[in-house]
Amino acid sequence: MLIQLIVELVVGGLCGYAAMRIMKGNASSILLNVILGVIGGIVGGIIGNLLGIGGGWISGIVLTIAGACLVVWLYRKFFLK
């Protein structure tokens, strides 16, 4: 259980970093990348389930990055002005 949590945080952080690079953001805050990546993973999973997409680890990573990009965009829209 603890190993799975650590893996999810690492993958979430990497996907958050990828989303920051895709969105041309400032990648200075590793904690912010992890938080946005994990939230993006949740959002991407929900969107994937609603659309019937998913099932594999590649589609999971793509959905996580897409969800993280959406979360980064929303974060910039509402918190950075």
C-alpha atoms as a PDB file:
ATOM      1  CA  MET A   1       0.000   0.000   0.000  1.00  0.00           C
ATOM      2  CA  LEU A   2       2.794   2.436   0.880  1.00  0.00           C
ATOM      3  CA  ILE A   3       4.769   1.470  -2.227  1.00  0.00           C
ATOM      4  CA  GLN A   4       1.719   2.141  -4.426  1.00  0.00           C
ATOM      5  CA  LEU A   5       1.271   5.574  -2.842  1.00  0.00           C
ATOM      6  CA  ILE A   6       4.928   6.430  -3.434  1.00  0.00           C
ATOM      7  CA  VAL A   7       4.720   5.257  -7.055  1.00  0.00           C
ATOM      8  CA  GLU A   8       1.557   7.305  -7.625  1.00  0.00           C
ATOM      9  CA  LEU A   9       3.204  10.410  -6.158  1.00  0.00           C
ATOM     10  CA  VAL A  10       6.295   9.953  -8.329  1.00  0.00           C
ATOM     11  CA  VAL A  11       4.235   9.354 -11.477  1.00  0.00           C
ATOM     12  CA  GLY A  12       1.968  12.281 -10.554  1.00  0.00           C
ATOM     13  CA  GLY A  13       4.998  14.486 -10.081  1.00  0.00           C
ATOM     14  CA  LEU A  14       6.479  13.462 -13.415  1.00  0.00           C
ATOM     15  CA  CYS A  15       3.155  14.045 -15.161  1.00  0.00           C
ATOM     16  CA  GLY A  16       2.865  17.410 -13.401  1.00  0.00           C
ATOM     17  CA  TYR A  17       6.350  18.306 -14.633  1.00  0.00           C
ATOM     18  CA  ALA A  18       5.408  17.189 -18.163  1.00  0.00           C
ATOM     19  CA  ALA A  19       2.253  19.311 -17.995  1.00  0.00           C
ATOM     20  CA  MET A  20       4.267  22.330 -16.849  1.00  0.00           C
ATOM     21  CA  ARG A  21       6.652  21.843 -19.789  1.00  0.00           C
ATOM     22  CA  ILE A  22       3.760  21.415 -22.249  1.00  0.00           C
ATOM     23  CA  MET A  23       1.992  24.488 -20.866  1.00  0.00           C
ATOM     24  CA  LYS A  24       5.284  26.477 -20.883  1.00  0.00           C
ATOM     25  CA  GLY A  25       5.153  27.000 -17.148  1.00  0.00           C
ATOM     26  CA  ASN A  26       7.682  27.646 -14.427  1.00  0.00           C
ATOM     27  CA  ALA A  27       8.917  24.294 -13.149  1.00  0.00           C
ATOM     28  CA  SER A  28      10.613  25.740 -10.065  1.00  0.00           C
ATOM     29  CA  SER A  29       8.221  24.258  -7.511  1.00  0.00           C
ATOM     30  CA  ILE A  30       8.503  20.491  -7.308  1.00  0.00           C
ATOM     31  CA  LEU A  31       5.775  20.328  -4.659  1.00  0.00           C
ATOM     32  CA  LEU A  32       3.391  22.285  -6.899  1.00  0.00           C
ATOM     33  CA  ASN A  33       4.192  19.908  -9.783  1.00  0.00           C
ATOM     34  CA  VAL A  34       3.398  16.885  -7.609  1.00  0.00           C
ATOM     35  CA  ILE A  35       0.153  18.398  -6.321  1.00  0.00           C
ATOM     36  CA  LEU A  36      -1.051  19.469  -9.765  1.00  0.00           C
ATOM     37  CA  GLY A  37       0.051  16.129 -11.256  1.00  0.00           C
ATOM     38  CA  VAL A  38      -1.849  14.098  -8.661  1.00  0.00           C
ATOM     39  CA  ILE A  39      -4.943  16.290  -9.027  1.00  0.00           C
ATOM     40  CA  GLY A  40      -4.530  16.017 -12.797  1.00  0.00           C
ATOM     41  CA  GLY A  41      -4.406  12.241 -12.479  1.00  0.00           C
ATOM     42  CA  ILE A  42      -7.703  12.261 -10.636  1.00  0.00           C
ATOM     43  CA  VAL A  43      -9.269  14.640 -13.163  1.00  0.00           C
ATOM     44  CA  GLY A  44      -7.867  12.644 -16.096  1.00  0.00           C
ATOM     45  CA  GLY A  45      -9.188   9.411 -14.585  1.00  0.00           C
ATOM     46  CA  ILE A  46     -12.656  10.888 -14.169  1.00  0.00           C
ATOM     47  CA  ILE A  47     -12.660  12.218 -17.736  1.00  0.00           C
ATOM     48  CA  GLY A  48     -11.371   8.875 -19.029  1.00  0.00           C
ATOM     49  CA  ASN A  49     -14.113   6.983 -17.202  1.00  0.00           C
ATOM     50  CA  LEU A  50     -16.782   9.341 -18.520  1.00  0.00           C
ATOM     51  CA  LEU A  51     -15.522   8.886 -22.084  1.00  0.00           C
ATOM     52  CA  GLY A  52     -14.889   5.156 -21.725  1.00  0.00           C
ATOM     53  CA  ILE A  53     -11.149   5.546 -22.296  1.00  0.00           C
ATOM     54  CA  GLY A  54      -8.559   3.769 -20.223  1.00  0.00           C
ATOM     55  CA  GLY A  55      -7.498   0.361 -19.129  1.00  0.00           C
ATOM     56  CA  GLY A  56      -3.777   0.452 -19.800  1.00  0.00           C
ATOM     57  CA  TRP A  57      -0.857   2.202 -18.233  1.00  0.00           C
ATOM     58  CA  ILE A  58      -0.059   4.204 -21.383  1.00  0.00           C
ATOM     59  CA  SER A  59      -3.579   5.586 -21.619  1.00  0.00           C
ATOM     60  CA  GLY A  60      -3.426   6.268 -17.879  1.00  0.00           C
ATOM     61  CA  ILE A  61      -0.277   8.358 -18.278  1.00  0.00           C
ATOM     62  CA  VAL A  62      -1.736  10.224 -21.266  1.00  0.00           C
ATOM     63  CA  LEU A  63      -4.938  10.927 -19.320  1.00  0.00           C
ATOM     64  CA  THR A  64      -2.921  12.025 -16.288  1.00  0.00           C
ATOM     65  CA  ILE A  65      -0.854  14.457 -18.371  1.00  0.00           C
ATOM     66  CA  ALA A  66      -3.995  15.773 -20.094  1.00  0.00           C
ATOM     67  CA  GLY A  67      -5.715  16.170 -16.732  1.00  0.00           C
ATOM     68  CA  ALA A  68      -2.632  17.887 -15.297  1.00  0.00           C
ATOM     69  CA  CYS A  69      -2.573  20.296 -18.269  1.00  0.00           C
ATOM     70  CA  LEU A  70      -6.210  21.115 -17.562  1.00  0.00           C
ATOM     71  CA  VAL A  71      -5.466  21.624 -13.860  1.00  0.00           C
ATOM     72  CA  VAL A  72      -2.426  23.828 -14.681  1.00  0.00           C
ATOM     73  CA  TRP A  73      -4.584  25.916 -17.001  1.00  0.00           C
ATOM     74  CA  LEU A  74      -7.284  26.273 -14.332  1.00  0.00           C
ATOM     75  CA  TYR A  75      -4.642  27.098 -11.711  1.00  0.00           C
ATOM     76  CA  ARG A  76      -3.242  29.860 -13.909  1.00  0.00           C
ATOM     77  CA  LYS A  77      -6.704  31.141 -14.797  1.00  0.00           C
ATOM     78  CA  PHE A  78      -7.932  31.478 -11.209  1.00  0.00           C
ATOM     79  CA  PHE A  79      -4.821  31.874  -9.031  1.00  0.00           C
ATOM     80  CA  LEU A  80      -2.242  33.676 -11.177  1.00  0.00           C
ATOM     81  CA  LYS A  81      -3.254  36.991 -12.583  1.00  0.00           C
END
